[in-house]
């Protein structure tokens, strides 16, 4: 799958599926420095992933500081031909000063066996 560089960062489109709703989300950052996969709260609401009393609340820490997120299990995440069913994602405000609708973290990249070729701007699934 082709990655596009914006502000020097690799972005892709990813498919999120939940409760029968499937959406292709653009501006999803490939971030090997993020342990978890994250979806913006605005995008999550479009998929019916609103917060519920039973959701687990976590504190996400990064270079930008701390952010509270809630966790949801989605029916499927898909990147190119790679797909993972019943995957737990985090949902948060993602107010980072640029348009980012989601972050693909190491959890998902490991689950699909991703190989990232920055020179070719491609992400592959290992055999």
N, C-alpha and C. Protein backbone atom coordinates (compact mmCIF):
# COMPACT_ATOMS: atom_id res chain seq x y z
N UNK A 1 0.85 -1.17 0.00
CA UNK A 1 0.00 0.00 0.00
C UNK A 1 0.90 1.23 0.00
N UNK A 2 0.50 2.21 -0.75
CA UNK A 2 1.26 3.45 -0.90
C UNK A 2 1.03 4.38 0.30
N UNK A 3 2.11 4.98 0.79
CA UNK A 3 2.04 5.98 1.84
C UNK A 3 2.29 7.34 1.21
N UNK A 4 1.60 8.34 1.68
CA UNK A 4 1.82 9.71 1.23
C UNK A 4 2.52 10.47 2.35
N UNK A 5 3.54 11.23 2.01
CA UNK A 5 4.22 12.02 3.02
C UNK A 5 3.60 13.42 3.09
N UNK A 6 3.22 13.82 4.29
CA UNK A 6 2.71 15.16 4.56
C UNK A 6 3.47 15.69 5.76
N UNK A 7 4.10 16.84 5.60
CA UNK A 7 4.93 17.43 6.65
C UNK A 7 6.01 16.43 7.08
N UNK A 8 6.46 15.60 6.15
CA UNK A 8 7.50 14.62 6.43
C UNK A 8 7.03 13.37 7.15
N UNK A 9 5.72 13.21 7.32
CA UNK A 9 5.16 12.06 8.03
C UNK A 9 4.37 11.15 7.09
N UNK A 10 4.42 9.81 7.32
CA UNK A 10 3.73 8.87 6.43
C UNK A 10 2.25 8.69 6.79
N UNK A 11 1.38 8.95 5.81
CA UNK A 11 -0.07 8.81 5.99
C UNK A 11 -0.64 7.81 4.99
N UNK A 12 -1.71 7.12 5.40
CA UNK A 12 -2.41 6.17 4.55
C UNK A 12 -3.91 6.31 4.78
N UNK A 13 -4.67 5.55 4.01
CA UNK A 13 -6.10 5.37 4.26
C UNK A 13 -6.28 4.01 4.92
N UNK A 14 -7.26 3.93 5.83
CA UNK A 14 -7.51 2.70 6.55
C UNK A 14 -9.01 2.49 6.67
N UNK A 15 -9.43 1.25 6.67
CA UNK A 15 -10.85 0.92 6.79
C UNK A 15 -11.14 0.50 8.23
N UNK A 16 -12.12 1.17 8.83
CA UNK A 16 -12.61 0.81 10.16
C UNK A 16 -14.02 0.27 9.98
N UNK A 17 -14.33 -0.86 10.61
CA UNK A 17 -15.67 -1.44 10.54
C UNK A 17 -16.17 -1.68 11.95
N UNK A 18 -17.42 -1.26 12.19
CA UNK A 18 -18.03 -1.45 13.51
C UNK A 18 -19.54 -1.50 13.36
N UNK A 19 -20.15 -2.52 13.95
CA UNK A 19 -21.61 -2.71 13.92
C UNK A 19 -22.18 -2.59 12.51
N UNK A 20 -21.48 -3.19 11.56
CA UNK A 20 -21.96 -3.21 10.19
C UNK A 20 -21.65 -1.95 9.39
N UNK A 21 -21.11 -0.93 10.03
CA UNK A 21 -20.73 0.30 9.33
C UNK A 21 -19.25 0.21 8.99
N UNK A 22 -18.93 0.42 7.72
CA UNK A 22 -17.54 0.37 7.28
C UNK A 22 -17.20 1.69 6.62
N UNK A 23 -16.09 2.29 7.07
CA UNK A 23 -15.68 3.58 6.52
C UNK A 23 -14.20 3.57 6.21
N UNK A 24 -13.86 4.15 5.08
CA UNK A 24 -12.46 4.38 4.74
C UNK A 24 -12.09 5.74 5.31
N UNK A 25 -11.09 5.76 6.15
CA UNK A 25 -10.66 6.97 6.82
C UNK A 25 -9.32 7.40 6.23
N UNK A 26 -9.25 8.66 5.81
CA UNK A 26 -8.00 9.20 5.26
C UNK A 26 -7.21 9.89 6.37
N UNK A 27 -6.02 10.33 6.03
CA UNK A 27 -5.15 11.04 6.98
C UNK A 27 -4.88 10.24 8.24
N UNK A 28 -4.53 8.96 8.06
CA UNK A 28 -4.17 8.10 9.18
C UNK A 28 -2.65 7.97 9.18
N UNK A 29 -2.04 8.37 10.29
CA UNK A 29 -0.60 8.40 10.43
C UNK A 29 -0.04 7.02 10.78
N UNK A 30 1.00 6.60 10.08
CA UNK A 30 1.75 5.40 10.46
C UNK A 30 2.76 5.85 11.52
N UNK A 31 2.65 5.32 12.74
CA UNK A 31 3.49 5.78 13.84
C UNK A 31 4.05 4.60 14.62
N UNK A 32 5.28 4.21 14.28
CA UNK A 32 5.93 3.09 14.98
C UNK A 32 6.30 3.45 16.41
N UNK A 33 6.23 4.73 16.76
CA UNK A 33 6.50 5.17 18.12
C UNK A 33 5.28 5.16 19.02
N UNK A 34 4.13 4.83 18.45
CA UNK A 34 2.89 4.74 19.22
C UNK A 34 2.59 3.28 19.50
N UNK A 35 2.41 2.94 20.76
CA UNK A 35 2.12 1.55 21.12
C UNK A 35 0.73 1.14 20.65
N UNK A 36 -0.22 2.08 20.66
CA UNK A 36 -1.61 1.76 20.36
C UNK A 36 -2.11 2.45 19.11
N UNK A 37 -3.16 1.89 18.53
CA UNK A 37 -3.84 2.47 17.39
C UNK A 37 -4.94 3.37 17.92
N UNK A 38 -5.04 4.56 17.35
CA UNK A 38 -5.91 5.60 17.87
C UNK A 38 -6.78 6.15 16.75
N UNK A 39 -8.01 6.48 17.08
CA UNK A 39 -8.94 7.10 16.13
C UNK A 39 -9.44 8.40 16.74
N UNK A 40 -9.58 9.43 15.91
CA UNK A 40 -10.08 10.71 16.44
C UNK A 40 -11.52 10.56 16.91
N UNK A 41 -11.86 11.31 17.94
CA UNK A 41 -13.21 11.24 18.51
C UNK A 41 -14.27 11.61 17.49
N UNK A 42 -14.00 12.63 16.67
CA UNK A 42 -14.97 13.04 15.64
C UNK A 42 -15.25 11.91 14.66
N UNK A 43 -14.19 11.25 14.20
CA UNK A 43 -14.35 10.14 13.26
C UNK A 43 -15.04 8.97 13.94
N UNK A 44 -14.70 8.71 15.19
CA UNK A 44 -15.31 7.60 15.94
C UNK A 44 -16.82 7.77 16.06
N UNK A 45 -17.26 9.00 16.30
CA UNK A 45 -18.70 9.25 16.43
C UNK A 45 -19.43 8.94 15.13
N UNK A 46 -18.79 9.19 13.98
CA UNK A 46 -19.39 8.86 12.68
C UNK A 46 -19.59 7.35 12.53
N UNK A 47 -18.76 6.56 13.21
CA UNK A 47 -18.85 5.11 13.15
C UNK A 47 -19.73 4.53 14.26
N UNK A 48 -20.30 5.39 15.09
CA UNK A 48 -21.13 4.90 16.20
C UNK A 48 -20.31 4.45 17.38
N UNK A 49 -19.09 4.94 17.51
CA UNK A 49 -18.20 4.55 18.61
C UNK A 49 -18.21 5.61 19.72
N UNK A 50 -19.41 5.99 20.16
CA UNK A 50 -19.50 7.00 21.20
C UNK A 50 -19.11 6.39 22.55
N UNK A 51 -18.67 7.23 23.48
CA UNK A 51 -18.27 6.72 24.79
C UNK A 51 -19.46 6.12 25.54
N UNK A 52 -19.18 5.06 26.29
CA UNK A 52 -20.19 4.40 27.11
C UNK A 52 -19.63 4.23 28.52
N UNK A 53 -20.49 4.06 29.50
CA UNK A 53 -20.06 3.93 30.89
C UNK A 53 -19.13 2.74 31.12
N UNK A 54 -19.24 1.72 30.30
CA UNK A 54 -18.43 0.51 30.48
C UNK A 54 -17.06 0.59 29.80
N UNK A 55 -16.78 1.67 29.07
CA UNK A 55 -15.50 1.81 28.37
C UNK A 55 -14.35 1.98 29.36
N UNK A 56 -13.21 1.44 28.99
CA UNK A 56 -11.99 1.63 29.77
C UNK A 56 -11.39 2.98 29.38
N UNK A 57 -11.06 3.79 30.37
CA UNK A 57 -10.43 5.09 30.15
C UNK A 57 -8.94 4.92 30.45
N UNK A 58 -8.11 5.41 29.55
CA UNK A 58 -6.66 5.32 29.72
C UNK A 58 -6.05 6.71 29.55
N UNK A 59 -4.84 6.85 30.06
CA UNK A 59 -4.06 8.05 29.84
C UNK A 59 -2.99 7.71 28.82
N UNK A 60 -2.98 8.42 27.70
CA UNK A 60 -1.98 8.22 26.66
C UNK A 60 -0.91 9.29 26.86
N UNK A 61 0.35 8.86 26.86
CA UNK A 61 1.45 9.80 27.04
C UNK A 61 2.32 9.81 25.80
N UNK A 62 2.73 11.00 25.41
CA UNK A 62 3.60 11.13 24.25
C UNK A 62 4.36 12.44 24.31
N UNK A 63 4.99 12.76 23.22
CA UNK A 63 5.79 13.98 23.16
C UNK A 63 4.94 15.21 23.45
N UNK A 64 3.68 15.19 23.01
CA UNK A 64 2.80 16.33 23.20
C UNK A 64 2.21 16.42 24.60
N UNK A 65 2.50 15.46 25.46
CA UNK A 65 1.96 15.46 26.81
C UNK A 65 1.02 14.30 27.04
N UNK A 66 0.03 14.50 27.89
CA UNK A 66 -0.93 13.46 28.23
C UNK A 66 -2.29 13.76 27.63
N UNK A 67 -2.99 12.67 27.30
CA UNK A 67 -4.33 12.80 26.74
C UNK A 67 -5.15 11.63 27.25
N UNK A 68 -6.40 11.88 27.63
CA UNK A 68 -7.29 10.80 28.05
C UNK A 68 -7.98 10.23 26.82
N UNK A 69 -8.05 8.90 26.76
CA UNK A 69 -8.69 8.20 25.65
C UNK A 69 -9.61 7.13 26.24
N UNK A 70 -10.56 6.67 25.43
CA UNK A 70 -11.35 5.51 25.83
C UNK A 70 -11.12 4.42 24.80
N UNK A 71 -11.30 3.18 25.23
CA UNK A 71 -11.02 2.03 24.37
C UNK A 71 -12.30 1.39 23.87
N UNK A 72 -12.25 0.95 22.62
CA UNK A 72 -13.35 0.22 21.99
C UNK A 72 -12.78 -0.92 21.18
N UNK A 73 -13.53 -1.98 21.10
CA UNK A 73 -13.18 -3.08 20.21
C UNK A 73 -14.03 -2.93 18.96
N UNK A 74 -13.36 -2.85 17.80
CA UNK A 74 -14.07 -2.72 16.53
C UNK A 74 -14.14 -4.07 15.83
N UNK A 75 -15.10 -4.21 14.93
CA UNK A 75 -15.27 -5.48 14.21
C UNK A 75 -14.05 -5.83 13.37
N UNK A 76 -13.47 -4.81 12.74
CA UNK A 76 -12.36 -5.09 11.83
C UNK A 76 -11.60 -3.81 11.52
N UNK A 77 -10.28 -3.95 11.41
CA UNK A 77 -9.42 -2.90 10.88
C UNK A 77 -8.76 -3.45 9.64
N UNK A 78 -8.69 -2.64 8.61
CA UNK A 78 -8.12 -3.10 7.35
C UNK A 78 -7.18 -2.04 6.79
N UNK A 79 -6.00 -2.49 6.39
CA UNK A 79 -5.01 -1.64 5.76
C UNK A 79 -4.57 -2.36 4.50
N UNK A 80 -4.97 -1.83 3.35
CA UNK A 80 -4.68 -2.52 2.09
C UNK A 80 -5.35 -3.88 2.10
N UNK A 81 -4.58 -4.93 1.87
CA UNK A 81 -5.11 -6.30 1.87
C UNK A 81 -5.06 -6.95 3.25
N UNK A 82 -4.44 -6.29 4.22
CA UNK A 82 -4.29 -6.84 5.57
C UNK A 82 -5.48 -6.45 6.42
N UNK A 83 -6.00 -7.43 7.16
CA UNK A 83 -7.20 -7.20 7.94
C UNK A 83 -7.07 -7.92 9.29
N UNK A 84 -7.53 -7.26 10.35
CA UNK A 84 -7.52 -7.88 11.68
C UNK A 84 -8.92 -7.73 12.27
N UNK A 85 -9.56 -8.87 12.62
CA UNK A 85 -10.89 -8.80 13.23
C UNK A 85 -10.80 -8.50 14.72
N UNK A 86 -11.87 -7.95 15.27
CA UNK A 86 -12.01 -7.70 16.71
C UNK A 86 -10.76 -7.09 17.32
N UNK A 87 -10.49 -5.87 16.91
CA UNK A 87 -9.26 -5.19 17.32
C UNK A 87 -9.62 -4.03 18.27
N UNK A 88 -8.86 -3.90 19.36
CA UNK A 88 -9.09 -2.83 20.32
C UNK A 88 -8.33 -1.58 19.90
N UNK A 89 -9.06 -0.46 19.82
CA UNK A 89 -8.45 0.82 19.48
C UNK A 89 -8.71 1.81 20.61
N UNK A 90 -7.96 2.88 20.60
CA UNK A 90 -8.20 3.97 21.53
C UNK A 90 -8.81 5.14 20.77
N UNK A 91 -9.64 5.91 21.45
CA UNK A 91 -10.33 7.04 20.84
C UNK A 91 -10.08 8.28 21.69
N UNK A 92 -9.65 9.35 21.01
CA UNK A 92 -9.36 10.58 21.75
C UNK A 92 -9.49 11.81 20.87
N UNK A 93 -9.27 12.97 21.48
CA UNK A 93 -9.46 14.25 20.79
C UNK A 93 -8.49 14.44 19.63
N UNK A 94 -7.26 14.02 19.77
CA UNK A 94 -6.23 14.12 18.73
C UNK A 94 -6.08 15.55 18.20
N UNK A 95 -5.94 16.50 19.10
CA UNK A 95 -5.75 17.90 18.73
C UNK A 95 -4.25 18.17 18.67
N UNK A 96 -3.64 17.85 17.52
CA UNK A 96 -2.19 17.91 17.38
C UNK A 96 -1.72 19.05 16.48
N UNK A 97 -2.62 19.94 16.10
CA UNK A 97 -2.24 21.07 15.28
C UNK A 97 -2.18 20.78 13.78
N UNK A 98 -2.57 19.60 13.39
CA UNK A 98 -2.67 19.24 11.97
C UNK A 98 -3.77 18.19 11.83
N UNK A 99 -4.25 18.01 10.61
CA UNK A 99 -5.36 17.08 10.40
C UNK A 99 -4.88 15.64 10.41
N UNK A 100 -5.16 14.98 11.53
CA UNK A 100 -4.86 13.55 11.68
C UNK A 100 -6.15 12.90 12.15
N UNK A 101 -6.68 11.96 11.38
CA UNK A 101 -7.92 11.29 11.75
C UNK A 101 -7.68 10.01 12.54
N UNK A 102 -6.46 9.52 12.51
CA UNK A 102 -6.13 8.32 13.26
C UNK A 102 -4.64 8.07 13.25
N UNK A 103 -4.21 7.16 14.10
CA UNK A 103 -2.82 6.74 14.17
C UNK A 103 -2.79 5.22 14.16
N UNK A 104 -2.01 4.67 13.26
CA UNK A 104 -1.78 3.23 13.25
C UNK A 104 -0.55 2.97 14.10
N UNK A 105 -0.75 2.31 15.22
CA UNK A 105 0.32 2.06 16.17
C UNK A 105 0.99 0.71 15.96
N UNK A 106 1.99 0.48 16.80
CA UNK A 106 2.77 -0.75 16.73
C UNK A 106 1.90 -1.99 16.98
N UNK A 107 0.84 -1.86 17.76
CA UNK A 107 -0.03 -3.01 18.01
C UNK A 107 -0.60 -3.57 16.70
N UNK A 108 -1.12 -2.69 15.86
CA UNK A 108 -1.69 -3.14 14.58
C UNK A 108 -0.60 -3.53 13.59
N UNK A 109 0.46 -2.73 13.52
CA UNK A 109 1.56 -3.04 12.60
C UNK A 109 2.15 -4.42 12.89
N UNK A 110 2.28 -4.77 14.16
CA UNK A 110 2.78 -6.10 14.54
C UNK A 110 1.77 -7.19 14.19
N UNK A 111 0.49 -6.92 14.43
CA UNK A 111 -0.56 -7.91 14.15
C UNK A 111 -0.59 -8.31 12.68
N UNK A 112 -0.29 -7.36 11.77
CA UNK A 112 -0.33 -7.67 10.35
C UNK A 112 1.05 -8.03 9.79
N UNK A 113 2.09 -7.93 10.62
CA UNK A 113 3.45 -8.21 10.14
C UNK A 113 3.91 -7.18 9.13
N UNK A 114 3.68 -5.92 9.44
CA UNK A 114 3.98 -4.84 8.49
C UNK A 114 5.48 -4.69 8.24
N UNK A 115 5.79 -4.42 6.99
CA UNK A 115 7.14 -4.05 6.57
C UNK A 115 7.01 -2.69 5.91
N UNK A 116 7.74 -1.72 6.44
CA UNK A 116 7.64 -0.35 5.95
C UNK A 116 8.90 0.00 5.16
N UNK A 117 8.70 0.38 3.90
CA UNK A 117 9.80 0.79 3.02
C UNK A 117 9.65 2.29 2.78
N UNK A 118 10.41 3.08 3.54
CA UNK A 118 10.27 4.54 3.44
C UNK A 118 10.81 5.07 2.12
N UNK A 119 11.82 4.43 1.57
CA UNK A 119 12.38 4.90 0.29
C UNK A 119 11.33 4.80 -0.82
N UNK A 120 10.61 3.68 -0.85
CA UNK A 120 9.57 3.48 -1.86
C UNK A 120 8.22 4.05 -1.41
N UNK A 121 8.14 4.48 -0.15
CA UNK A 121 6.87 4.95 0.44
C UNK A 121 5.77 3.90 0.33
N UNK A 122 6.12 2.69 0.70
CA UNK A 122 5.19 1.56 0.66
C UNK A 122 5.17 0.86 2.00
N UNK A 123 4.02 0.29 2.33
CA UNK A 123 3.90 -0.57 3.49
C UNK A 123 3.37 -1.90 2.99
N UNK A 124 4.05 -2.98 3.40
CA UNK A 124 3.72 -4.33 2.95
C UNK A 124 3.35 -5.19 4.14
N UNK A 125 2.68 -6.29 3.86
CA UNK A 125 2.42 -7.29 4.89
C UNK A 125 3.38 -8.44 4.62
N UNK A 126 4.14 -8.83 5.66
CA UNK A 126 5.10 -9.89 5.48
C UNK A 126 4.40 -11.23 5.29
N UNK A 127 5.04 -12.09 4.54
CA UNK A 127 4.45 -13.40 4.23
C UNK A 127 4.64 -14.37 5.36
